[in-house]
């Protein structure tokens, strides 16, 4: 079953892939959808996947915003603590460096990978892949980068970092005077923008658009 938006052209290609319903596990054909359509399970009616209207535009916009806020998060500290006349400013890189100096080498490396490298790969990769697809183009390495995006998505743990940061604040609040800085709000905006960019386009739809762009070039 399909819900569609009238007046849009049918896709150029027809495929014979199958998809399993996430609710009842029924296996059924998975044709390409026009923009605005949703594929429904013919057995239970659960939505299988969707071609969201203006999905590429939203993905590109939120990816650009994530990169912008990421620059702010790295350029400014996210926390200032004052205690006993000492003033400490903390940022993402400073957090990793402090862990390294304390001897937690592995934790320092993981902090850099999960809070700096993985989010940057996601945002820049989505922009590299989706921006040309808006014009029906696929840049060199699009397939490889799309795979890297899918691999790095589960390892982007900025929200986990923020949650741990909040828990730490609850413990440090009575020991020092704490001031929130620009980096904290920028980091929160990065989490929101990445979630919106990743949620803006379906994986199956993304691979469909890449396939059509490569075959038409």
Foldseek 3Di string as FASTA:
>chain_A
DKDADPPFDDDPDWDFDWDAAPPPRDIDGDTDGTEPMWDADPPPRHTDGHRHPCLLVLLLVLLVLLVVLLVVQVVAFFKWWAAPRDIDTHGQLNVLVVCVVVPVPVVSVLSCCQAPVLLNLQSVLSNQASVVLVVLAGDPCNVVSLVVNVVSVVSNPLVVVVVVVVVVCVVCVVRTPMDGDSSNVSSVSSVVSSVSSVVSGDPVNSVVSNVRSVVVD
